Amino acid sequence: MPAARRDEPDTASLVLRIAERQDKEAFKALFVSFAPRVKTYLIRHGAAPDRAEELAQETLLTVWRKATYYDPARASVAAWMFTIARNLRIDTLRREKSAVAYALTVHEPESSEETPHTARQTAQEAGRVRKAISELPPEQLQVIQLSFFGDKAHAEIAEQLCLPLGTVKSRLRLALARLRGLVGDLA
């Protein structure tokens, strides 16, 4: 990350002014000082120039909104801002990857007519899935039922079962891995 420049204002005091008074002049000074550097940082880490511009602006807006969370004892303003930029870049990549994966999995059915062969095949596959689900340990079966059949969020399941969120996620991950092992050729 770039070193502090001698001619730039005390960035910690700028963030403090933003946090305390939502000082627009302090934000402007911070923006002028950091937006180009954040954009350059993002481009160096693989973002396209137009995407880097958007992410740099989003980074500075996040600083505006979350200035009260800045702790000078934990990091410099530059380190804090570049961390925000990095996290926004990662979030963007994840969203893009999810959108591409979704687009690849969504397809039109080839035929709306069900033949006796496809009906039998569908019934056999459903039977294999039911059998695989019935072989899950009770604690994994419970979270699978609540998540997929009860359409509950992980946090809701954790609250309902009085379990830590991490435990719920682990049980779901283990159950899905086991199901993939039992019926993986259906996917």
C-alpha atoms as a PDB file:
ATOM      1  CA  MET A   1       0.000   0.000   0.000  1.00  0.00           C
ATOM      2  CA  PRO A   2       1.268   3.468  -0.793  1.00  0.00           C
ATOM      3  CA  ALA A   3       3.142   5.421   1.843  1.00  0.00           C
ATOM      4  CA  ALA A   4       1.750   8.669   3.260  1.00  0.00           C
ATOM      5  CA  ARG A   5       2.636  11.815   1.335  1.00  0.00           C
ATOM      6  CA  ARG A   6       4.212  14.805   3.066  1.00  0.00           C
ATOM      7  CA  ASP A   7       1.849  17.350   1.496  1.00  0.00           C
ATOM      8  CA  GLU A   8      -1.416  15.607   2.387  1.00  0.00           C
ATOM      9  CA  PRO A   9      -3.545  16.539   5.410  1.00  0.00           C
ATOM     10  CA  ASP A  10      -3.647  14.475   8.584  1.00  0.00           C
ATOM     11  CA  THR A  11      -5.994  11.761   7.381  1.00  0.00           C
ATOM     12  CA  ALA A  12      -6.914  10.522  10.850  1.00  0.00           C
ATOM     13  CA  SER A  13      -8.210  13.985  11.774  1.00  0.00           C
ATOM     14  CA  LEU A  14     -10.185  14.094   8.514  1.00  0.00           C
ATOM     15  CA  VAL A  15     -11.887  10.804   9.338  1.00  0.00           C
ATOM     16  CA  LEU A  16     -12.549  12.045  12.875  1.00  0.00           C
ATOM     17  CA  ARG A  17     -14.186  15.206  11.480  1.00  0.00           C
ATOM     18  CA  ILE A  18     -16.318  13.076   9.179  1.00  0.00           C
ATOM     19  CA  ALA A  19     -17.321  10.803  12.073  1.00  0.00           C
ATOM     20  CA  GLU A  20     -18.142  13.612  14.486  1.00  0.00           C
ATOM     21  CA  ARG A  21     -19.663  16.273  12.230  1.00  0.00           C
ATOM     22  CA  GLN A  22     -20.133  14.672   8.825  1.00  0.00           C
ATOM     23  CA  ASP A  23     -17.759  17.360   7.630  1.00  0.00           C
ATOM     24  CA  LYS A  24     -18.084  17.556   3.835  1.00  0.00           C
ATOM     25  CA  GLU A  25     -14.847  19.531   3.428  1.00  0.00           C
ATOM     26  CA  ALA A  26     -12.940  16.826   5.304  1.00  0.00           C
ATOM     27  CA  PHE A  27     -14.545  14.190   3.094  1.00  0.00           C
ATOM     28  CA  LYS A  28     -13.636  16.161  -0.025  1.00  0.00           C
ATOM     29  CA  ALA A  29      -9.998  16.375   1.110  1.00  0.00           C
ATOM     30  CA  LEU A  30      -9.956  12.641   1.889  1.00  0.00           C
ATOM     31  CA  PHE A  31     -11.575  11.855  -1.466  1.00  0.00           C
ATOM     32  CA  VAL A  32      -9.114  13.971  -3.452  1.00  0.00           C
ATOM     33  CA  SER A  33      -6.219  12.375  -1.592  1.00  0.00           C
ATOM     34  CA  PHE A  34      -7.306   8.736  -1.718  1.00  0.00           C
ATOM     35  CA  ALA A  35      -9.673   8.095  -4.652  1.00  0.00           C
ATOM     36  CA  PRO A  36      -6.899   7.963  -7.281  1.00  0.00           C
ATOM     37  CA  ARG A  37      -4.714   5.746  -5.096  1.00  0.00           C
ATOM     38  CA  VAL A  38      -7.551   3.369  -4.302  1.00  0.00           C
ATOM     39  CA  LYS A  39      -8.428   3.154  -8.009  1.00  0.00           C
ATOM     40  CA  THR A  40      -4.797   2.409  -8.885  1.00  0.00           C
ATOM     41  CA  TYR A  41      -4.625  -0.223  -6.133  1.00  0.00           C
ATOM     42  CA  LEU A  42      -7.751  -1.936  -7.495  1.00  0.00           C
ATOM     43  CA  ILE A  43      -6.464  -1.880 -11.086  1.00  0.00           C
ATOM     44  CA  ARG A  44      -3.181  -3.432  -9.937  1.00  0.00           C
ATOM     45  CA  HIS A  45      -5.215  -6.172  -8.297  1.00  0.00           C
ATOM     46  CA  GLY A  46      -7.095  -7.058 -11.469  1.00  0.00           C
ATOM     47  CA  ALA A  47     -10.095  -4.731 -11.637  1.00  0.00           C
ATOM     48  CA  ALA A  48     -10.973  -3.186 -14.982  1.00  0.00           C
ATOM     49  CA  PRO A  49     -10.508   0.603 -14.953  1.00  0.00           C
ATOM     50  CA  ASP A  50     -14.250   1.392 -15.005  1.00  0.00           C
ATOM     51  CA  ARG A  51     -14.928  -1.184 -12.265  1.00  0.00           C
ATOM     52  CA  ALA A  52     -11.987   0.180 -10.255  1.00  0.00           C
ATOM     53  CA  GLU A  53     -13.480   3.679 -10.530  1.00  0.00           C
ATOM     54  CA  GLU A  54     -16.835   2.418  -9.205  1.00  0.00           C
ATOM     55  CA  LEU A  55     -15.195   0.473  -6.388  1.00  0.00           C
ATOM     56  CA  ALA A  56     -13.017   3.432  -5.416  1.00  0.00           C
ATOM     57  CA  GLN A  57     -16.114   5.613  -5.149  1.00  0.00           C
ATOM     58  CA  GLU A  58     -17.914   2.911  -3.174  1.00  0.00           C
ATOM     59  CA  THR A  59     -14.891   2.647  -0.875  1.00  0.00           C
ATOM     60  CA  LEU A  60     -14.996   6.362  -0.127  1.00  0.00           C
ATOM     61  CA  LEU A  61     -18.764   6.255   0.418  1.00  0.00           C
ATOM     62  CA  THR A  62     -18.227   3.409   2.875  1.00  0.00           C
ATOM     63  CA  VAL A  63     -15.682   5.587   4.682  1.00  0.00           C
ATOM     64  CA  TRP A  64     -18.294   8.356   4.849  1.00  0.00           C
ATOM     65  CA  ARG A  65     -20.934   6.003   6.252  1.00  0.00           C
ATOM     66  CA  LYS A  66     -18.651   4.118   8.633  1.00  0.00           C
ATOM     67  CA  ALA A  67     -16.225   6.790   9.774  1.00  0.00           C
ATOM     68  CA  THR A  68     -17.378   6.302  13.373  1.00  0.00           C
ATOM     69  CA  TYR A  69     -15.994   2.748  13.262  1.00  0.00           C
ATOM     70  CA  TYR A  70     -12.469   3.837  12.404  1.00  0.00           C
ATOM     71  CA  ASP A  71     -10.007   3.079  15.213  1.00  0.00           C
ATOM     72  CA  PRO A  72      -6.598   4.757  14.808  1.00  0.00           C
ATOM     73  CA  ALA A  73      -5.148   2.330  17.374  1.00  0.00           C
ATOM     74  CA  ARG A  74      -5.834  -0.606  15.046  1.00  0.00           C
ATOM     75  CA  ALA A  75      -4.717   0.742  11.663  1.00  0.00           C
ATOM     76  CA  SER A  76      -3.806   3.825   9.703  1.00  0.00           C
ATOM     77  CA  VAL A  77      -6.494   5.481   7.600  1.00  0.00           C
ATOM     78  CA  ALA A  78      -4.765   4.225   4.460  1.00  0.00           C
ATOM     79  CA  ALA A  79      -4.677   0.629   5.716  1.00  0.00           C
ATOM     80  CA  TRP A  80      -8.330   0.854   6.753  1.00  0.00           C
ATOM     81  CA  MET A  81      -9.393   2.271   3.387  1.00  0.00           C
ATOM     82  CA  PHE A  82      -7.390  -0.192   1.315  1.00  0.00           C
ATOM     83  CA  THR A  83      -8.898  -3.022   3.377  1.00  0.00           C
ATOM     84  CA  ILE A  84     -12.377  -1.682   2.609  1.00  0.00           C
ATOM     85  CA  ALA A  85     -11.449  -1.504  -1.093  1.00  0.00           C
ATOM     86  CA  ARG A  86     -10.066  -5.046  -1.058  1.00  0.00           C
ATOM     87  CA  ASN A  87     -13.204  -6.383   0.650  1.00  0.00           C
ATOM     88  CA  LEU A  88     -15.487  -4.593  -1.802  1.00  0.00           C
ATOM     89  CA  ARG A  89     -13.466  -6.073  -4.685  1.00  0.00           C
ATOM     90  CA  ILE A  90     -13.805  -9.576  -3.212  1.00  0.00           C
ATOM     91  CA  ASP A  91     -17.552  -9.105  -2.696  1.00  0.00           C
ATOM     92  CA  THR A  92     -17.923  -7.935  -6.302  1.00  0.00           C
ATOM     93  CA  LEU A  93     -16.012 -10.944  -7.605  1.00  0.00           C
ATOM     94  CA  ARG A  94     -18.189 -13.285  -5.559  1.00  0.00           C
ATOM     95  CA  ARG A  95     -21.385 -11.666  -6.844  1.00  0.00           C
ATOM     96  CA  GLU A  96     -20.140 -11.844 -10.429  1.00  0.00           C
ATOM     97  CA  LYS A  97     -19.086 -15.470 -10.017  1.00  0.00           C
ATOM     98  CA  SER A  98     -22.495 -16.335  -8.518  1.00  0.00           C
ATOM     99  CA  ALA A  99     -24.311 -14.562 -11.349  1.00  0.00           C
ATOM    100  CA  VAL A 100     -22.289 -16.440 -13.965  1.00  0.00           C
ATOM    101  CA  ALA A 101     -22.826 -19.757 -12.189  1.00  0.00           C
ATOM    102  CA  TYR A 102     -26.550 -19.062 -11.959  1.00  0.00           C
ATOM    103  CA  ALA A 103     -26.760 -18.109 -15.630  1.00  0.00           C
ATOM    104  CA  LEU A 104     -24.973 -21.323 -16.577  1.00  0.00           C
ATOM    105  CA  THR A 105     -27.318 -23.507 -14.519  1.00  0.00           C
ATOM    106  CA  VAL A 106     -30.576 -21.912 -15.635  1.00  0.00           C
ATOM    107  CA  HIS A 107     -31.806 -23.437 -18.838  1.00  0.00           C
ATOM    108  CA  GLU A 108     -35.019 -23.997 -20.665  1.00  0.00           C
ATOM    109  CA  PRO A 109     -36.479 -27.487 -20.444  1.00  0.00           C
ATOM    110  CA  GLU A 110     -35.947 -29.388 -23.660  1.00  0.00           C
ATOM    111  CA  SER A 111     -39.451 -30.764 -23.733  1.00  0.00           C
ATOM    112  CA  SER A 112     -42.495 -30.121 -21.626  1.00  0.00           C
ATOM    113  CA  GLU A 113     -43.914 -33.541 -22.442  1.00  0.00           C
ATOM    114  CA  GLU A 114     -43.157 -36.276 -19.962  1.00  0.00           C
ATOM    115  CA  THR A 115     -42.630 -39.697 -21.465  1.00  0.00           C
ATOM    116  CA  PRO A 116     -43.060 -42.942 -19.541  1.00  0.00           C
ATOM    117  CA  HIS A 117     -39.292 -43.329 -19.583  1.00  0.00           C
ATOM    118  CA  THR A 118     -38.603 -39.878 -18.091  1.00  0.00           C
ATOM    119  CA  ALA A 119     -41.394 -40.347 -15.529  1.00  0.00           C
ATOM    120  CA  ARG A 120     -39.855 -43.634 -14.379  1.00  0.00           C
ATOM    121  CA  GLN A 121     -36.365 -42.101 -14.310  1.00  0.00           C
ATOM    122  CA  THR A 122     -37.604 -39.110 -12.291  1.00  0.00           C
ATOM    123  CA  ALA A 123     -39.340 -41.418  -9.818  1.00  0.00           C
ATOM    124  CA  GLN A 124     -36.189 -43.523  -9.422  1.00  0.00           C
ATOM    125  CA  GLU A 125     -34.046 -40.422  -8.853  1.00  0.00           C
ATOM    126  CA  ALA A 126     -36.516 -39.060  -6.305  1.00  0.00           C
ATOM    127  CA  GLY A 127     -36.429 -42.396  -4.507  1.00  0.00           C
ATOM    128  CA  ARG A 128     -32.623 -42.306  -4.377  1.00  0.00           C
ATOM    129  CA  VAL A 129     -32.692 -38.774  -2.978  1.00  0.00           C
ATOM    130  CA  ARG A 130     -35.292 -39.715  -0.317  1.00  0.00           C
ATOM    131  CA  LYS A 131     -33.216 -42.758   0.653  1.00  0.00           C
ATOM    132  CA  ALA A 132     -30.026 -40.667   0.873  1.00  0.00           C
ATOM    133  CA  ILE A 133     -31.780 -38.048   3.017  1.00  0.00           C
ATOM    134  CA  SER A 134     -33.098 -40.760   5.337  1.00  0.00           C
ATOM    135  CA  GLU A 135     -29.518 -41.970   5.895  1.00  0.00           C
ATOM    136  CA  LEU A 136     -28.374 -38.607   7.268  1.00  0.00           C
ATOM    137  CA  PRO A 137     -27.647 -38.346  10.996  1.00  0.00           C
ATOM    138  CA  PRO A 138     -30.614 -36.769  12.865  1.00  0.00           C
ATOM    139  CA  GLU A 139     -28.853 -33.443  13.560  1.00  0.00           C
ATOM    140  CA  GLN A 140     -27.938 -33.036   9.869  1.00  0.00           C
ATOM    141  CA  LEU A 141     -31.409 -34.094   8.731  1.00  0.00           C
ATOM    142  CA  GLN A 142     -32.969 -31.505  11.027  1.00  0.00           C
ATOM    143  CA  VAL A 143     -30.990 -28.577   9.569  1.00  0.00           C
ATOM    144  CA  ILE A 144     -31.562 -29.819   5.991  1.00  0.00           C
ATOM    145  CA  GLN A 145     -35.314 -29.960   6.585  1.00  0.00           C
ATOM    146  CA  LEU A 146     -35.419 -26.491   8.141  1.00  0.00           C
ATOM    147  CA  SER A 147     -33.179 -24.935   5.495  1.00  0.00           C
ATOM    148  CA  PHE A 148     -34.456 -26.478   2.276  1.00  0.00           C
ATOM    149  CA  PHE A 149     -37.980 -27.595   3.080  1.00  0.00           C
ATOM    150  CA  GLY A 150     -38.770 -24.985   5.744  1.00  0.00           C
ATOM    151  CA  ASP A 151     -37.043 -22.227   3.710  1.00  0.00           C
ATOM    152  CA  LYS A 152     -35.392 -20.806   6.823  1.00  0.00           C
ATOM    153  CA  ALA A 153     -32.228 -18.732   6.887  1.00  0.00           C
ATOM    154  CA  HIS A 154     -29.217 -20.139   8.693  1.00  0.00           C
ATOM    155  CA  ALA A 155     -29.558 -17.565  11.477  1.00  0.00           C
ATOM    156  CA  GLU A 156     -33.216 -18.525  11.995  1.00  0.00           C
ATOM    157  CA  ILE A 157     -32.273 -22.193  12.239  1.00  0.00           C
ATOM    158  CA  ALA A 158     -29.546 -21.397  14.760  1.00  0.00           C
ATOM    159  CA  GLU A 159     -32.014 -19.424  16.867  1.00  0.00           C
ATOM    160  CA  GLN A 160     -34.734 -22.063  16.627  1.00  0.00           C
ATOM    161  CA  LEU A 161     -32.383 -24.918  17.571  1.00  0.00           C
ATOM    162  CA  CYS A 162     -30.408 -22.860  20.127  1.00  0.00           C
ATOM    163  CA  LEU A 163     -27.182 -23.607  18.270  1.00  0.00           C
ATOM    164  CA  PRO A 164     -24.274 -21.412  17.228  1.00  0.00           C
ATOM    165  CA  LEU A 165     -24.540 -20.226  13.626  1.00  0.00           C
ATOM    166  CA  GLY A 166     -21.252 -21.957  12.794  1.00  0.00           C
ATOM    167  CA  THR A 167     -22.654 -25.300  13.975  1.00  0.00           C
ATOM    168  CA  VAL A 168     -25.696 -24.928  11.732  1.00  0.00           C
ATOM    169  CA  LYS A 169     -23.490 -24.110   8.747  1.00  0.00           C
ATOM    170  CA  SER A 170     -21.162 -27.034   9.500  1.00  0.00           C
ATOM    171  CA  ARG A 171     -24.059 -29.460   9.737  1.00  0.00           C
ATOM    172  CA  LEU A 172     -25.481 -28.219   6.441  1.00  0.00           C
ATOM    173  CA  ARG A 173     -22.096 -28.483   4.729  1.00  0.00           C
ATOM    174  CA  LEU A 174     -21.544 -32.018   6.058  1.00  0.00           C
ATOM    175  CA  ALA A 175     -25.069 -33.101   5.078  1.00  0.00           C
ATOM    176  CA  LEU A 176     -24.712 -31.729   1.555  1.00  0.00           C
ATOM    177  CA  ALA A 177     -21.320 -33.381   1.139  1.00  0.00           C
ATOM    178  CA  ARG A 178     -22.780 -36.687   2.255  1.00  0.00           C
ATOM    179  CA  LEU A 179     -25.759 -36.319  -0.075  1.00  0.00           C
ATOM    180  CA  ARG A 180     -23.448 -35.481  -2.986  1.00  0.00           C
ATOM    181  CA  GLY A 181     -21.514 -38.646  -2.209  1.00  0.00           C
ATOM    182  CA  LEU A 182     -24.695 -40.730  -2.210  1.00  0.00           C
ATOM    183  CA  VAL A 183     -26.459 -39.207  -5.229  1.00  0.00           C
ATOM    184  CA  GLY A 184     -23.732 -37.154  -6.897  1.00  0.00           C
ATOM    185  CA  ASP A 185     -24.312 -38.638 -10.326  1.00  0.00           C
ATOM    186  CA  LEU A 186     -27.788 -37.039 -10.407  1.00  0.00           C
ATOM    187  CA  ALA A 187     -26.450 -33.481 -10.365  1.00  0.00           C
END
